[in-house]
Each structure stands twice: as C-alpha cells, then as structure tokens.
Amino acid sequence: MALQKPTLPQQKLFAKIRIAGGLFATVILGGSCISALANGTAFDGPLVVQAIVAAGAFTYTSYNLRQLAKLNQRQE
C-alpha cells in the first residue's frame, strides 16, 4: 500500500518545523562558537567543525524557507 502525499497545509507545517529547528541549531551552535572566540579560544580543530555545522544549519534553514515560499505561491 502506497503512502499518501501530505496535504498542502501539512507540507507547510512540516517546513515551518524544519525552519524552527534549523534556526535553533544555528543560534545554539553559532552562539557557542562566537562565545568561545570571545573567550580567546583558538579557531582550530573542533571549533572549526562547529562553525561549519552552524553554517550548514543556516543553509538548511534558508533552503526550507525557500521551500515554504514555493508552497505559499502554489496555494495562491
């Protein structure tokens, strides 16, 4: 039995949840990275990886925001 495609309101809700999660991850990881740099930690090793993951979370958020905009255009 094939799964049904989510309805348009469900797709919009899922996109909003992914956006909120991505923003939360970006704020937590980015804030932690900036805090560590402000305390004088060298920007190498784990801190670089943390900054890359924060940038990835921001990219994920912007992609989902674009998807939500497309869903809103499709609704109109």
N, C-alpha and C. Protein backbone atom coordinates (compact mmCIF):
# COMPACT_ATOMS: atom_id res chain seq x y z
N MET A 1 0.84 -1.17 0.00
CA MET A 1 0.00 0.00 0.00
C MET A 1 0.89 1.24 0.00
N ALA A 2 0.64 2.14 -0.94
CA ALA A 2 1.46 3.34 -1.09
C ALA A 2 1.03 4.41 -0.07
N LEU A 3 2.02 5.14 0.40
CA LEU A 3 1.73 6.24 1.32
C LEU A 3 1.17 7.42 0.54
N GLN A 4 0.24 8.12 1.17
CA GLN A 4 -0.33 9.30 0.53
C GLN A 4 0.60 10.48 0.72
N LYS A 5 0.60 11.37 -0.27
CA LYS A 5 1.39 12.59 -0.17
C LYS A 5 0.73 13.52 0.84
N PRO A 6 1.52 14.18 1.69
CA PRO A 6 0.91 15.11 2.66
C PRO A 6 0.16 16.24 1.96
N THR A 7 -0.89 16.70 2.61
CA THR A 7 -1.66 17.80 2.04
C THR A 7 -0.82 19.07 2.10
N LEU A 8 -1.27 20.10 1.41
CA LEU A 8 -0.54 21.37 1.37
C LEU A 8 -0.38 21.99 2.76
N PRO A 9 -1.43 22.05 3.58
CA PRO A 9 -1.23 22.59 4.94
C PRO A 9 -0.24 21.76 5.76
N GLN A 10 -0.24 20.45 5.58
CA GLN A 10 0.72 19.60 6.30
C GLN A 10 2.15 19.88 5.82
N GLN A 11 2.32 20.03 4.51
CA GLN A 11 3.65 20.34 3.98
C GLN A 11 4.16 21.67 4.52
N LYS A 12 3.26 22.66 4.62
CA LYS A 12 3.66 23.96 5.16
C LYS A 12 4.04 23.85 6.63
N LEU A 13 3.30 23.06 7.40
CA LEU A 13 3.61 22.87 8.80
C LEU A 13 4.96 22.18 8.97
N PHE A 14 5.22 21.15 8.17
CA PHE A 14 6.50 20.45 8.24
C PHE A 14 7.65 21.39 7.90
N ALA A 15 7.46 22.24 6.91
CA ALA A 15 8.50 23.20 6.54
C ALA A 15 8.76 24.18 7.68
N LYS A 16 7.70 24.64 8.34
CA LYS A 16 7.86 25.57 9.46
C LYS A 16 8.61 24.90 10.62
N ILE A 17 8.33 23.62 10.87
CA ILE A 17 9.02 22.89 11.93
C ILE A 17 10.50 22.75 11.59
N ARG A 18 10.81 22.43 10.33
CA ARG A 18 12.22 22.31 9.92
C ARG A 18 12.93 23.66 10.00
N ILE A 19 12.24 24.75 9.67
CA ILE A 19 12.83 26.09 9.77
C ILE A 19 13.14 26.42 11.23
N ALA A 20 12.19 26.14 12.12
CA ALA A 20 12.40 26.42 13.55
C ALA A 20 13.57 25.60 14.09
N GLY A 21 13.66 24.34 13.72
CA GLY A 21 14.76 23.50 14.17
C GLY A 21 16.10 23.98 13.64
N GLY A 22 16.12 24.38 12.38
CA GLY A 22 17.36 24.88 11.79
C GLY A 22 17.81 26.18 12.43
N LEU A 23 16.86 27.06 12.71
CA LEU A 23 17.21 28.32 13.37
C LEU A 23 17.72 28.07 14.79
N PHE A 24 17.09 27.15 15.49
CA PHE A 24 17.53 26.81 16.84
C PHE A 24 18.96 26.28 16.82
N ALA A 25 19.24 25.36 15.89
CA ALA A 25 20.60 24.81 15.79
C ALA A 25 21.60 25.89 15.42
N THR A 26 21.23 26.78 14.51
CA THR A 26 22.13 27.86 14.09
C THR A 26 22.45 28.78 15.26
N VAL A 27 21.44 29.15 16.02
CA VAL A 27 21.65 30.07 17.14
C VAL A 27 22.51 29.41 18.22
N ILE A 28 22.22 28.16 18.56
CA ILE A 28 22.97 27.48 19.61
C ILE A 28 24.42 27.26 19.19
N LEU A 29 24.62 26.69 18.00
CA LEU A 29 25.98 26.41 17.55
C LEU A 29 26.76 27.68 17.25
N GLY A 30 26.13 28.62 16.57
CA GLY A 30 26.80 29.88 16.26
C GLY A 30 27.12 30.68 17.50
N GLY A 31 26.17 30.73 18.43
CA GLY A 31 26.41 31.46 19.67
C GLY A 31 27.52 30.83 20.49
N SER A 32 27.57 29.52 20.52
CA SER A 32 28.63 28.83 21.25
C SER A 32 29.99 29.09 20.60
N CYS A 33 30.02 29.11 19.29
CA CYS A 33 31.26 29.37 18.56
C CYS A 33 31.74 30.80 18.82
N ILE A 34 30.83 31.75 18.75
CA ILE A 34 31.19 33.16 18.99
C ILE A 34 31.63 33.37 20.43
N SER A 35 30.94 32.70 21.34
CA SER A 35 31.31 32.80 22.76
C SER A 35 32.71 32.25 23.00
N ALA A 36 33.03 31.14 22.37
CA ALA A 36 34.36 30.56 22.53
C ALA A 36 35.43 31.49 21.95
N LEU A 37 35.13 32.09 20.81
CA LEU A 37 36.09 33.02 20.21
C LEU A 37 36.26 34.27 21.07
N ALA A 38 35.17 34.73 21.69
CA ALA A 38 35.26 35.90 22.55
C ALA A 38 36.09 35.62 23.80
N ASN A 39 36.11 34.36 24.22
CA ASN A 39 36.90 33.98 25.39
C ASN A 39 38.37 33.71 25.05
N GLY A 40 38.72 33.85 23.80
CA GLY A 40 40.12 33.72 23.40
C GLY A 40 40.53 32.34 22.93
N THR A 41 39.58 31.46 22.67
CA THR A 41 39.89 30.13 22.16
C THR A 41 40.39 30.24 20.73
N ALA A 42 41.41 29.47 20.41
CA ALA A 42 41.94 29.48 19.04
C ALA A 42 40.92 28.87 18.08
N PHE A 43 40.85 29.43 16.89
CA PHE A 43 39.90 28.95 15.89
C PHE A 43 40.53 27.80 15.11
N ASP A 44 40.55 26.63 15.74
CA ASP A 44 41.07 25.44 15.08
C ASP A 44 40.38 24.20 15.63
N GLY A 45 40.56 23.09 14.94
CA GLY A 45 40.03 21.82 15.39
C GLY A 45 38.53 21.80 15.54
N PRO A 46 38.06 21.45 16.75
CA PRO A 46 36.62 21.30 16.97
C PRO A 46 35.82 22.58 16.74
N LEU A 47 36.43 23.71 16.98
CA LEU A 47 35.71 24.97 16.79
C LEU A 47 35.44 25.24 15.31
N VAL A 48 36.37 24.84 14.47
CA VAL A 48 36.15 24.99 13.02
C VAL A 48 35.00 24.08 12.58
N VAL A 49 35.00 22.86 13.08
CA VAL A 49 33.92 21.92 12.74
C VAL A 49 32.58 22.47 13.22
N GLN A 50 32.57 23.02 14.41
CA GLN A 50 31.34 23.60 14.97
C GLN A 50 30.85 24.76 14.10
N ALA A 51 31.76 25.59 13.63
CA ALA A 51 31.38 26.71 12.77
C ALA A 51 30.84 26.21 11.43
N ILE A 52 31.42 25.14 10.90
CA ILE A 52 30.94 24.57 9.63
C ILE A 52 29.54 23.99 9.81
N VAL A 53 29.31 23.30 10.92
CA VAL A 53 27.98 22.74 11.18
C VAL A 53 26.95 23.86 11.37
N ALA A 54 27.34 24.95 12.03
CA ALA A 54 26.43 26.09 12.20
C ALA A 54 26.08 26.69 10.83
N ALA A 55 27.07 26.81 9.96
CA ALA A 55 26.80 27.32 8.61
C ALA A 55 25.90 26.36 7.84
N GLY A 56 26.11 25.07 8.03
CA GLY A 56 25.23 24.09 7.39
C GLY A 56 23.81 24.18 7.90
N ALA A 57 23.64 24.41 9.20
CA ALA A 57 22.29 24.57 9.76
C ALA A 57 21.62 25.81 9.19
N PHE A 58 22.38 26.88 9.00
CA PHE A 58 21.82 28.10 8.41
C PHE A 58 21.41 27.85 6.96
N THR A 59 22.22 27.11 6.23
CA THR A 59 21.90 26.77 4.84
C THR A 59 20.63 25.92 4.78
N TYR A 60 20.53 24.96 5.69
CA TYR A 60 19.34 24.10 5.78
C TYR A 60 18.10 24.94 6.04
N THR A 61 18.21 25.91 6.93
CA THR A 61 17.09 26.78 7.25
C THR A 61 16.69 27.62 6.04
N SER A 62 17.66 28.18 5.35
CA SER A 62 17.33 29.02 4.19
C SER A 62 16.70 28.19 3.07
N TYR A 63 17.15 26.95 2.89
CA TYR A 63 16.55 26.07 1.88
C TYR A 63 15.08 25.80 2.22
N ASN A 64 14.80 25.49 3.48
CA ASN A 64 13.43 25.21 3.88
C ASN A 64 12.56 26.45 3.82
N LEU A 65 13.13 27.62 4.05
CA LEU A 65 12.39 28.86 3.91
C LEU A 65 12.00 29.09 2.45
N ARG A 66 12.90 28.74 1.55
CA ARG A 66 12.59 28.85 0.12
C ARG A 66 11.49 27.87 -0.27
N GLN A 67 11.54 26.64 0.29
CA GLN A 67 10.50 25.66 0.02
C GLN A 67 9.15 26.14 0.53
N LEU A 68 9.13 26.77 1.70
CA LEU A 68 7.88 27.30 2.25
C LEU A 68 7.34 28.41 1.34
N ALA A 69 8.21 29.24 0.82
CA ALA A 69 7.76 30.29 -0.11
C ALA A 69 7.14 29.69 -1.36
N LYS A 70 7.72 28.61 -1.86
CA LYS A 70 7.15 27.93 -3.03
C LYS A 70 5.78 27.34 -2.71
N LEU A 71 5.65 26.77 -1.53
CA LEU A 71 4.35 26.21 -1.12
C LEU A 71 3.31 27.31 -1.00
N ASN A 72 3.70 28.47 -0.49
CA ASN A 72 2.76 29.60 -0.38
C ASN A 72 2.34 30.10 -1.74
N GLN A 73 3.27 30.12 -2.70
CA GLN A 73 2.92 30.55 -4.05
C GLN A 73 1.98 29.56 -4.70
N ARG A 74 2.19 28.27 -4.43
CA ARG A 74 1.35 27.24 -5.02
C ARG A 74 -0.07 27.30 -4.45
N GLN A 75 -0.20 27.75 -3.21
CA GLN A 75 -1.51 27.84 -2.58
C GLN A 75 -2.34 28.96 -3.21
N GLU A 76 -1.69 30.02 -3.65
CA GLU A 76 -2.43 31.17 -4.20
C GLU A 76 -2.94 30.94 -5.57
